[in-house]
Amino acid sequence: MAKAPKCSSCGGELDIIERETGMFATCRRCGKKFRIKPRAEKPDAVSVSAKVLLDEIRESGGKVAAAPPAPSAVTPAEKRRLLPYIIVALGVIGLICILVGGLYLWRGAVAERRQQLLAAKNALEAKLPAIESDMKQGMSYFSKGRYADARDMLNLAAKNAEALMSALIDTMAKTNEDEAALFEPLKEKLINISEKISEVLATDEIRYGAKGYVKFEGKWITPEEKKRIEEERFAEEQRKKGLVFYNGRWMTPDEMNIAKGLVKFEGEWITPEERERRLKERAQKLGDRIRRFFGGRGARKPSFDPQAKEWLVDDFERGSFWNVENWGDSCELSVSEKNASKMLCISFKPSGRKKAAIGRALPLDMSSRSLLTVDVLNESGGEFQLALGVLSTRFYESKPVPIRAGLNPEVRFALKTSEYKCELDNWQTFAHTIEALERVSRIFFVIYSNQPIEAAFDNVKLLRE
């Protein structure tokens, strides 16, 4: 290794590098400056190789041995010539690196953008089920006729659908055409939902039904108006049927008179007091007739042994004391011989009342009697109903009993049961007992039938049990 030059003044080493020449140097010890002379150049490897080659030629008598090729050396000129190509190559390599890096960054940005769009799409679609549920509930209310509830639920669904559509449009506005295609299915669903809701909200059911109107004969009217029209039509129908409106309900004129506390007497509705008065007046007249029948003034009533088990009231062998009552339908009475016995025959064709009544005066003390029996011959071929009527202090009627076709012997009516009706409860229930059997003035047979009746009565008896 070459030694560093020394200072000529102090002998210290100069602070220079060995190969640097033609430069000023500074002494490290005294600080004096010196100019350094260039040193002789050392022979390079090429010069040494050439010298060795010449020596070998001289020694071999002019023959030169093949020597390995010397390594090529790049001259400064060659370096200067190749420098532009190197720069271009480095530029191309750099550009390729930039492009590859840019492509990598672009693909990452695209993937990130798609993830953002998918997240936005999923966030918007998450709100769709609630809207569809509200719409479905609204349609259910609509089908059940709950139009106000349907309107409210559909309006809520429409409002939420509109808000979701607004958010969707804002999101699509920030995308390009290809990205916007990702949101098109959701947009179509929202459009369909909005159209369905608008179609239902525009119906008359929502426009009027939600306000409380009802559809009646093709028109939407208030419930009060519908009720008024129906009541008027119903009232007209009831009036055509002959009914009247009384005390909050429709009824027949007879039912109305009963509700007023009136009783029907000889085809006329009168007060119970007036009926009692007329009955007493009639009883007095009948008594006068009976007295005249039995021999004039002072004639006595029909009398029977109270201890006898059987009283024969009528066998019709000497005629009849029975007559048709005008509070039933008209019928015809006659006495004819049937089955080797005279019988009271009745011919009845029902009309408005569907019943016929016959009666006779019988002023008797019947307190010792418990049964009335009668033989009934039904020649109609069909069944009818027969009831017993008794007039004492008031009129009583028994439960009807069925009379079959043919002879019905000893049809029985109990006199002391609680199965009679009277005006005390407007003839509503068979739950009364005949009062004052000792003051009976008249008895009746009442026939109920919807078909014409041909019948005969015989052997009217009062029995003691």
Protein backbone atom coordinates (compact mmCIF):
# COMPACT_ATOMS: atom_id res chain seq x y z
CA MET A 1 0.00 0.00 0.00
CA ALA A 2 1.45 3.45 -0.98
CA LYS A 3 2.29 5.79 1.78
CA ALA A 4 0.72 9.22 2.04
CA PRO A 5 2.95 12.28 1.11
CA LYS A 6 4.53 14.16 4.02
CA CYS A 7 4.59 17.85 4.77
CA SER A 8 7.91 19.50 3.77
CA SER A 9 7.57 21.93 6.65
CA CYS A 10 6.79 19.76 9.68
CA GLY A 11 7.02 16.29 8.26
CA GLY A 12 3.41 15.41 8.99
CA GLU A 13 1.23 13.36 6.67
CA LEU A 14 -0.94 15.20 4.20
CA ASP A 15 -4.67 14.62 4.26
CA ILE A 16 -5.13 13.35 0.67
CA ILE A 17 -5.94 10.09 -1.05
CA GLU A 18 -3.09 8.36 -2.87
CA ARG A 19 -4.59 8.38 -6.35
CA GLU A 20 -5.77 11.98 -6.27
CA THR A 21 -3.37 14.22 -8.25
CA GLY A 22 -3.19 17.82 -9.33
CA MET A 23 -4.97 18.91 -6.16
CA PHE A 24 -4.12 21.04 -3.10
CA ALA A 25 -3.63 19.22 0.20
CA THR A 26 -3.58 20.52 3.79
CA CYS A 27 -1.18 19.33 6.50
CA ARG A 28 -2.96 17.84 9.40
CA ARG A 29 -0.33 19.13 11.90
CA CYS A 30 0.65 22.65 10.78
CA GLY A 31 -2.14 23.44 8.34
CA LYS A 32 0.11 24.40 5.44
CA LYS A 33 -1.23 23.87 1.92
CA PHE A 34 0.72 22.10 -0.87
CA ARG A 35 0.07 21.30 -4.54
CA ILE A 36 0.37 17.57 -5.23
CA LYS A 37 2.18 16.51 -8.40
CA PRO A 38 0.70 13.71 -10.50
CA ARG A 39 2.43 10.37 -10.00
CA ALA A 40 3.54 8.08 -12.77
CA GLU A 41 0.78 5.74 -13.98
CA LYS A 42 1.22 2.01 -13.44
CA PRO A 43 1.14 -0.22 -16.52
CA ASP A 44 -2.34 -1.68 -16.97
CA ALA A 45 -3.04 -5.36 -17.44
CA VAL A 46 -3.18 -5.04 -21.25
CA SER A 47 0.35 -3.58 -21.51
CA VAL A 48 1.77 -6.33 -19.29
CA SER A 49 0.05 -9.00 -21.33
CA ALA A 50 1.41 -7.57 -24.60
CA LYS A 51 4.96 -7.48 -23.24
CA VAL A 52 4.74 -11.08 -22.09
CA LEU A 53 3.40 -12.09 -25.49
CA LEU A 54 6.36 -10.47 -27.33
CA ASP A 55 8.85 -12.23 -25.08
CA GLU A 56 7.24 -15.59 -25.86
CA ILE A 57 7.39 -14.88 -29.59
CA ARG A 58 11.11 -14.10 -29.44
CA GLU A 59 11.86 -17.27 -27.47
CA SER A 60 9.81 -19.51 -29.81
CA GLY A 61 11.58 -18.29 -32.95
CA GLY A 62 8.72 -16.30 -34.27
CA LYS A 63 5.95 -18.88 -33.61
CA VAL A 64 2.96 -17.63 -31.65
CA ALA A 65 0.88 -20.02 -29.54
CA ALA A 66 -2.77 -19.60 -29.36
CA ALA A 67 -3.71 -17.68 -26.28
CA PRO A 68 -7.10 -17.42 -24.60
CA PRO A 69 -9.06 -14.35 -25.63
CA ALA A 70 -8.60 -11.44 -23.35
CA PRO A 71 -11.67 -10.17 -21.60
CA SER A 72 -13.28 -7.31 -23.47
CA ALA A 73 -13.26 -3.99 -21.79
CA VAL A 74 -15.92 -1.31 -22.22
CA THR A 75 -14.43 1.93 -23.17
CA PRO A 76 -15.84 5.26 -22.00
CA ALA A 77 -16.97 5.95 -25.56
CA GLU A 78 -18.81 2.67 -25.63
CA LYS A 79 -20.40 3.52 -22.32
CA ARG A 80 -21.51 6.86 -23.70
CA ARG A 81 -22.96 5.12 -26.76
CA LEU A 82 -24.90 2.54 -24.68
CA LEU A 83 -26.15 5.01 -22.07
CA PRO A 84 -29.32 6.10 -23.99
CA TYR A 85 -30.34 2.47 -24.51
CA ILE A 86 -29.82 1.73 -20.85
CA ILE A 87 -31.92 4.75 -19.88
CA VAL A 88 -34.69 3.69 -22.30
CA ALA A 89 -34.63 0.16 -20.94
CA LEU A 90 -34.81 1.41 -17.38
CA GLY A 91 -37.68 3.71 -18.39
CA VAL A 92 -39.58 0.81 -20.00
CA ILE A 93 -39.01 -1.33 -16.93
CA GLY A 94 -40.23 1.51 -14.72
CA LEU A 95 -43.29 2.05 -16.91
CA ILE A 96 -44.13 -1.64 -16.78
CA CYS A 97 -43.82 -1.56 -13.00
CA ILE A 98 -46.06 1.48 -12.87
CA LEU A 99 -48.64 -0.19 -15.13
CA VAL A 100 -48.58 -3.40 -13.13
CA GLY A 101 -48.91 -1.49 -9.89
CA GLY A 102 -51.68 0.65 -11.34
CA LEU A 103 -53.53 -2.44 -12.55
CA TYR A 104 -53.24 -4.01 -9.13
CA LEU A 105 -54.47 -0.85 -7.47
CA TRP A 106 -57.33 -0.54 -10.02
CA ARG A 107 -58.48 -4.10 -9.43
CA GLY A 108 -58.43 -3.52 -5.69
CA ALA A 109 -60.41 -0.31 -6.10
CA VAL A 110 -62.98 -2.10 -8.34
CA ALA A 111 -63.41 -4.90 -5.82
CA GLU A 112 -63.77 -2.43 -2.98
CA ARG A 113 -66.30 -0.42 -5.00
CA ARG A 114 -68.35 -3.54 -5.72
CA GLN A 115 -68.34 -4.43 -2.04
CA GLN A 116 -69.58 -0.93 -1.25
CA LEU A 117 -72.35 -1.21 -3.85
CA LEU A 118 -73.41 -4.64 -2.58
CA ALA A 119 -73.49 -3.34 0.99
CA ALA A 120 -75.64 -0.39 -0.13
CA LYS A 121 -77.96 -2.75 -2.08
CA ASN A 122 -78.35 -5.11 0.87
CA ALA A 123 -79.05 -2.20 3.22
CA LEU A 124 -81.82 -0.97 0.92
CA GLU A 125 -83.30 -4.44 0.35
CA ALA A 126 -83.40 -5.03 4.12
CA LYS A 127 -86.19 -2.43 4.32
CA LEU A 128 -88.31 -4.12 1.64
CA PRO A 129 -89.83 -6.98 3.75
CA ALA A 130 -91.40 -4.52 6.21
CA ILE A 131 -93.02 -2.63 3.32
CA GLU A 132 -94.31 -5.86 1.76
CA SER A 133 -95.66 -6.99 5.15
CA ASP A 134 -97.54 -3.69 5.63
CA MET A 135 -98.98 -3.96 2.11
CA LYS A 136 -100.08 -7.57 2.71
CA GLN A 137 -101.75 -6.59 5.99
CA GLY A 138 -103.51 -3.70 4.26
CA MET A 139 -104.79 -6.03 1.51
CA SER A 140 -106.06 -8.42 4.19
CA TYR A 141 -108.00 -5.61 5.89
CA PHE A 142 -109.38 -4.60 2.49
CA SER A 143 -110.67 -8.12 1.75
CA LYS A 144 -112.38 -8.21 5.17
CA GLY A 145 -114.16 -4.90 4.60
CA ARG A 146 -112.07 -3.02 7.19
CA TYR A 147 -111.48 -0.15 4.80
CA ALA A 148 -110.25 2.45 7.31
CA ASP A 149 -107.60 0.05 8.64
CA ALA A 150 -106.69 -0.92 5.07
CA ARG A 151 -106.25 2.74 4.09
CA ASP A 152 -103.99 3.49 7.06
CA MET A 153 -101.84 0.41 6.54
CA LEU A 154 -101.50 0.95 2.77
CA ASN A 155 -100.63 4.62 3.25
CA LEU A 156 -97.91 3.59 5.68
CA ALA A 157 -96.56 1.08 3.17
CA ALA A 158 -96.70 3.69 0.37
CA LYS A 159 -94.87 6.25 2.52
CA ASN A 160 -92.09 3.80 3.36
CA ALA A 161 -91.87 2.66 -0.27
CA GLU A 162 -91.54 6.28 -1.40
CA ALA A 163 -88.77 6.91 1.15
CA LEU A 164 -86.95 3.76 0.05
CA MET A 165 -87.31 4.74 -3.62
CA SER A 166 -85.86 8.19 -2.86
CA ALA A 167 -82.88 6.61 -1.10
CA LEU A 168 -82.45 4.19 -4.01
CA ILE A 169 -82.47 6.98 -6.59
CA ASP A 170 -79.90 8.94 -4.58
CA THR A 171 -77.66 5.86 -4.47
CA MET A 172 -78.07 5.15 -8.20
CA ALA A 173 -77.23 8.78 -9.02
CA LYS A 174 -73.73 8.16 -7.62
CA THR A 175 -73.12 5.17 -9.89
CA ASN A 176 -72.38 4.66 -13.57
CA GLU A 177 -74.66 2.81 -15.96
CA ASP A 178 -73.15 -0.61 -15.28
CA GLU A 179 -73.25 -0.15 -11.51
CA ALA A 180 -76.82 1.14 -11.63
CA ALA A 181 -77.94 -2.18 -13.18
CA LEU A 182 -77.25 -3.80 -9.81
CA PHE A 183 -80.14 -1.83 -8.29
CA GLU A 184 -82.66 -2.27 -11.13
CA PRO A 185 -84.45 -5.38 -9.64
CA LEU A 186 -85.11 -3.51 -6.38
CA LYS A 187 -86.35 -0.52 -8.31
CA GLU A 188 -88.79 -2.70 -10.29
CA LYS A 189 -90.14 -4.23 -7.06
CA LEU A 190 -90.73 -0.81 -5.53
CA ILE A 191 -92.49 0.38 -8.67
CA ASN A 192 -94.80 -2.67 -8.65
CA ILE A 193 -95.56 -2.21 -4.94
CA SER A 194 -96.36 1.49 -5.42
CA GLU A 195 -98.62 0.74 -8.39
CA LYS A 196 -100.58 -1.93 -6.48
CA ILE A 197 -101.01 0.32 -3.46
CA SER A 198 -102.10 3.27 -5.62
CA GLU A 199 -104.60 1.06 -7.43
CA VAL A 200 -106.24 -0.06 -4.17
CA LEU A 201 -106.19 3.40 -2.60
CA ALA A 202 -108.01 4.74 -5.66
CA THR A 203 -110.98 2.33 -5.24
CA ASP A 204 -114.38 3.49 -4.01
CA GLU A 205 -114.04 1.09 -1.08
CA ILE A 206 -111.13 3.14 0.25
CA ARG A 207 -112.45 6.53 -0.86
CA TYR A 208 -115.86 6.04 0.75
CA GLY A 209 -115.68 2.90 2.88
CA ALA A 210 -112.76 4.29 4.89
CA LYS A 211 -114.94 7.29 5.77
CA GLY A 212 -117.61 5.04 7.23
CA TYR A 213 -119.86 4.86 4.15
CA VAL A 214 -121.49 1.56 3.18
CA LYS A 215 -122.36 0.27 -0.28
CA PHE A 216 -126.08 -0.12 -0.76
CA GLU A 217 -127.66 -0.99 -4.10
CA GLY A 218 -124.57 0.19 -5.99
CA LYS A 219 -124.27 3.49 -4.12
CA TRP A 220 -122.11 4.59 -1.20
CA ILE A 221 -124.21 6.11 1.55
CA THR A 222 -123.93 6.67 5.28
CA PRO A 223 -124.95 3.85 7.63
CA GLU A 224 -127.69 6.07 8.98
CA GLU A 225 -129.12 6.61 5.51
CA LYS A 226 -128.96 2.87 4.77
CA LYS A 227 -130.70 2.10 8.06
CA ARG A 228 -133.42 4.68 7.30
CA ILE A 229 -134.08 3.22 3.83
CA GLU A 230 -134.17 -0.34 5.15
CA GLU A 231 -136.51 0.63 7.98
CA GLU A 232 -138.84 2.41 5.58
CA ARG A 233 -138.94 -0.60 3.26
CA PHE A 234 -139.41 -2.99 6.15
CA ALA A 235 -142.21 -0.83 7.55
CA GLU A 236 -143.90 -0.80 4.14
CA GLU A 237 -143.65 -4.61 3.94
CA GLN A 238 -145.08 -4.98 7.43
CA ARG A 239 -147.96 -2.64 6.66
CA LYS A 240 -148.73 -4.69 3.54
CA LYS A 241 -148.95 -7.73 5.80
CA GLY A 242 -151.48 -5.89 7.94
CA LEU A 243 -149.12 -5.31 10.87
CA VAL A 244 -148.87 -2.17 12.96
CA PHE A 245 -145.95 -0.67 14.89
CA TYR A 246 -146.60 -0.38 18.58
CA ASN A 247 -144.37 -0.12 21.62
CA GLY A 248 -141.16 -0.58 19.63
CA ARG A 249 -142.12 -3.62 17.54
CA TRP A 250 -144.34 -4.76 14.69
CA MET A 251 -147.39 -6.82 15.56
CA THR A 252 -150.85 -7.68 14.39
CA PRO A 253 -153.69 -5.35 15.34
CA ASP A 254 -154.91 -8.04 17.73
CA GLU A 255 -151.49 -8.23 19.40
CA MET A 256 -151.47 -4.46 19.69
CA ASN A 257 -154.86 -4.46 21.37
CA ILE A 258 -153.68 -7.19 23.74
CA ALA A 259 -150.58 -5.11 24.50
CA LYS A 260 -152.90 -2.22 25.30
CA GLY A 261 -154.71 -4.40 27.81
CA LEU A 262 -157.85 -4.84 25.74
CA VAL A 263 -159.78 -8.08 25.32
CA LYS A 264 -161.71 -9.26 22.32
CA PHE A 265 -165.38 -9.73 22.88
CA GLU A 266 -167.82 -10.59 20.12
CA GLY A 267 -165.38 -9.34 17.46
CA GLU A 268 -164.73 -6.08 19.26
CA TRP A 269 -161.72 -5.04 21.33
CA ILE A 270 -162.84 -3.60 24.63
CA THR A 271 -161.51 -3.15 28.14
CA PRO A 272 -161.79 -6.05 30.60
CA GLU A 273 -164.19 -3.99 32.65
CA GLU A 274 -166.47 -3.45 29.68
CA ARG A 275 -166.32 -7.15 28.90
CA GLU A 276 -167.31 -8.04 32.45
CA ARG A 277 -170.20 -5.63 32.23
CA ARG A 278 -171.42 -7.09 28.97
CA LEU A 279 -171.02 -10.64 30.22
CA LYS A 280 -173.07 -9.87 33.29
CA GLU A 281 -175.67 -8.26 31.12
CA ARG A 282 -175.69 -11.29 28.82
CA ALA A 283 -175.82 -13.68 31.75
CA GLN A 284 -178.80 -11.83 33.08
CA LYS A 285 -180.51 -12.05 29.70
CA LEU A 286 -179.63 -15.73 29.42
CA GLY A 287 -181.01 -16.30 32.89
CA ASP A 288 -184.21 -14.67 31.81
CA ARG A 289 -184.37 -16.90 28.75
CA ILE A 290 -183.69 -20.00 30.82
CA ARG A 291 -186.36 -19.05 33.29
CA ARG A 292 -188.78 -18.49 30.44
CA PHE A 293 -187.73 -21.85 28.93
CA PHE A 294 -188.39 -23.66 32.17
CA GLY A 295 -191.76 -22.10 32.70
CA GLY A 296 -191.50 -18.40 33.03
CA ARG A 297 -190.80 -16.32 36.12
CA GLY A 298 -189.41 -18.27 39.02
CA ALA A 299 -188.16 -21.16 36.83
CA ARG A 300 -185.32 -22.98 38.53
CA LYS A 301 -181.85 -23.76 37.18
CA PRO A 302 -181.00 -27.28 35.98
CA SER A 303 -180.15 -29.23 39.08
CA PHE A 304 -178.23 -32.44 39.65
CA ASP A 305 -177.46 -34.52 42.68
CA PRO A 306 -174.12 -33.24 44.04
CA GLN A 307 -173.35 -36.77 45.26
CA ALA A 308 -173.96 -38.38 41.87
CA LYS A 309 -170.84 -39.54 40.08
CA GLU A 310 -172.15 -38.53 36.66
CA TRP A 311 -174.26 -35.65 35.39
CA LEU A 312 -175.54 -35.99 31.85
CA VAL A 313 -175.67 -32.42 30.58
CA ASP A 314 -176.62 -33.09 26.93
CA ASP A 315 -177.50 -36.19 24.88
CA PHE A 316 -179.34 -34.14 22.19
CA GLU A 317 -182.30 -36.54 22.16
CA ARG A 318 -184.69 -33.63 22.80
CA GLY A 319 -182.93 -31.03 20.65
CA SER A 320 -180.08 -28.62 21.26
CA PHE A 321 -179.44 -25.59 23.44
CA TRP A 322 -176.14 -24.86 21.67
CA ASN A 323 -175.51 -21.93 19.36
CA VAL A 324 -172.61 -20.59 17.24
CA GLU A 325 -170.45 -17.92 18.92
CA ASN A 326 -169.62 -14.92 16.77
CA TRP A 327 -166.03 -14.60 18.03
CA GLY A 328 -165.08 -17.57 15.86
CA ASP A 329 -165.48 -18.34 12.17
CA SER A 330 -168.98 -19.11 11.00
CA CYS A 331 -170.23 -22.69 11.05
CA GLU A 332 -173.52 -24.61 10.85
CA LEU A 333 -175.17 -26.60 13.66
CA SER A 334 -177.82 -29.30 13.39
CA VAL A 335 -179.04 -32.33 15.30
CA SER A 336 -178.92 -35.59 13.32
CA GLU A 337 -179.05 -39.27 14.11
CA LYS A 338 -175.74 -41.04 13.80
CA ASN A 339 -174.76 -44.46 15.11
CA ALA A 340 -178.32 -44.98 16.44
CA SER A 341 -178.12 -41.82 18.55
CA LYS A 342 -178.95 -38.19 17.99
CA MET A 343 -175.84 -36.02 17.89
CA LEU A 344 -175.05 -32.31 17.56
CA CYS A 345 -173.46 -31.94 14.11
CA ILE A 346 -171.13 -29.09 13.15
CA SER A 347 -169.95 -28.14 9.67
CA PHE A 348 -167.00 -25.74 9.75
CA LYS A 349 -165.00 -24.12 6.94
CA PRO A 350 -162.12 -22.08 8.44
CA SER A 351 -161.52 -18.53 7.24
CA GLY A 352 -159.63 -15.72 8.97
CA ARG A 353 -159.66 -16.94 12.60
CA LYS A 354 -159.03 -20.63 11.85
CA LYS A 355 -161.37 -21.60 14.67
CA ALA A 356 -165.07 -22.10 15.39
CA ALA A 357 -166.83 -21.87 18.76
CA ILE A 358 -170.19 -23.18 19.95
CA GLY A 359 -171.65 -22.63 23.41
CA ARG A 360 -174.69 -23.05 25.59
CA ALA A 361 -176.00 -21.53 28.80
CA LEU A 362 -175.40 -23.78 31.80
CA PRO A 363 -175.90 -21.96 35.13
CA LEU A 364 -174.63 -24.65 37.46
CA ASP A 365 -172.61 -25.07 40.60
CA MET A 366 -169.82 -27.25 39.19
CA SER A 367 -167.58 -27.13 42.26
CA SER A 368 -168.26 -30.84 42.90
CA ARG A 369 -167.25 -31.82 39.37
CA SER A 370 -163.66 -32.52 38.28
CA LEU A 371 -164.09 -33.73 34.67
CA LEU A 372 -166.15 -32.92 31.59
CA THR A 373 -166.33 -35.63 28.93
CA VAL A 374 -167.86 -35.68 25.47
CA ASP A 375 -168.07 -38.21 22.64
CA VAL A 376 -166.77 -36.71 19.38
CA LEU A 377 -167.24 -38.24 15.93
CA ASN A 378 -164.71 -36.84 13.44
CA GLU A 379 -165.98 -37.39 9.88
CA SER A 380 -163.38 -35.13 8.21
CA GLY A 381 -160.69 -37.70 7.62
CA GLY A 382 -158.12 -35.39 9.17
CA GLU A 383 -157.25 -34.45 12.73
CA PHE A 384 -158.39 -31.23 14.46
CA GLN A 385 -157.94 -29.67 17.91
CA LEU A 386 -160.75 -29.28 20.46
CA ALA A 387 -160.71 -27.04 23.56
CA LEU A 388 -163.21 -26.50 26.40
CA GLY A 389 -164.34 -23.02 27.38
CA VAL A 390 -165.90 -22.16 30.74
CA LEU A 391 -167.45 -18.82 31.72
CA SER A 392 -167.62 -18.10 35.45
CA THR A 393 -166.30 -14.79 36.78
CA ARG A 394 -164.25 -14.63 33.56
CA PHE A 395 -163.75 -16.72 30.46
CA TYR A 396 -161.28 -19.67 30.68
CA GLU A 397 -160.07 -21.87 27.85
CA SER A 398 -158.34 -25.26 28.24
CA LYS A 399 -155.42 -26.68 26.32
CA PRO A 400 -156.62 -28.16 23.00
CA VAL A 401 -156.67 -31.95 22.67
CA PRO A 402 -156.30 -33.81 19.35
CA ILE A 403 -159.42 -35.35 17.77
CA ARG A 404 -158.54 -38.14 15.37
CA ALA A 405 -160.63 -39.33 12.47
CA GLY A 406 -163.53 -41.57 13.53
CA LEU A 407 -165.21 -41.90 16.90
CA ASN A 408 -163.37 -40.43 19.91
CA PRO A 409 -165.32 -41.60 23.00
CA GLU A 410 -165.21 -39.69 26.26
CA VAL A 411 -162.81 -36.93 25.34
CA ARG A 412 -161.76 -35.65 28.78
CA PHE A 413 -161.25 -32.11 30.07
CA ALA A 414 -160.07 -31.65 33.68
CA LEU A 415 -161.86 -28.79 35.43
CA LYS A 416 -159.56 -28.26 38.42
CA THR A 417 -156.09 -28.15 36.80
CA SER A 418 -153.87 -25.11 36.26
CA GLU A 419 -153.87 -25.53 32.50
CA TYR A 420 -156.31 -22.83 31.39
CA LYS A 421 -155.63 -19.47 29.80
CA CYS A 422 -157.52 -16.24 30.37
CA GLU A 423 -157.21 -12.50 29.90
CA LEU A 424 -155.17 -12.03 33.09
CA ASP A 425 -151.96 -12.45 31.06
CA ASN A 426 -153.48 -11.61 27.68
CA TRP A 427 -154.10 -15.27 26.86
CA GLN A 428 -150.36 -15.98 26.75
CA THR A 429 -149.98 -19.06 28.96
CA PHE A 430 -151.99 -22.08 30.02
CA ALA A 431 -151.20 -21.57 33.69
CA HIS A 432 -154.52 -20.60 35.35
CA THR A 433 -157.20 -22.39 37.36
CA ILE A 434 -160.91 -21.82 36.82
CA GLU A 435 -162.14 -19.55 39.60
CA ALA A 436 -165.66 -19.79 41.03
CA LEU A 437 -166.75 -23.13 39.55
CA GLU A 438 -169.85 -22.72 41.68
CA ARG A 439 -170.87 -19.74 39.52
CA VAL A 440 -170.47 -21.17 36.02
CA SER A 441 -172.94 -19.62 33.58
CA ARG A 442 -171.89 -20.99 30.20
CA ILE A 443 -169.71 -23.69 28.58
CA PHE A 444 -168.14 -23.79 25.09
CA PHE A 445 -166.39 -26.08 22.64
CA VAL A 446 -163.68 -24.41 20.51
CA ILE A 447 -162.52 -26.14 17.31
CA TYR A 448 -159.11 -25.27 15.78
CA SER A 449 -158.36 -26.36 12.19
CA ASN A 450 -156.93 -25.14 8.90
CA GLN A 451 -159.09 -27.62 6.98
CA PRO A 452 -162.89 -27.98 6.67
CA ILE A 453 -164.37 -29.99 9.53
CA GLU A 454 -167.39 -32.26 9.71
CA ALA A 455 -167.93 -33.48 13.29
CA ALA A 456 -170.64 -34.48 15.76
CA PHE A 457 -170.92 -34.28 19.58
CA ASP A 458 -172.85 -36.50 21.98
CA ASN A 459 -173.13 -37.33 25.69
CA VAL A 460 -171.74 -34.21 27.31
CA LYS A 461 -171.16 -35.26 30.93
CA LEU A 462 -169.80 -33.79 34.17
CA LEU A 463 -168.06 -36.33 36.40
CA ARG A 464 -166.92 -36.43 39.97
CA GLU A 465 -163.72 -38.35 40.84
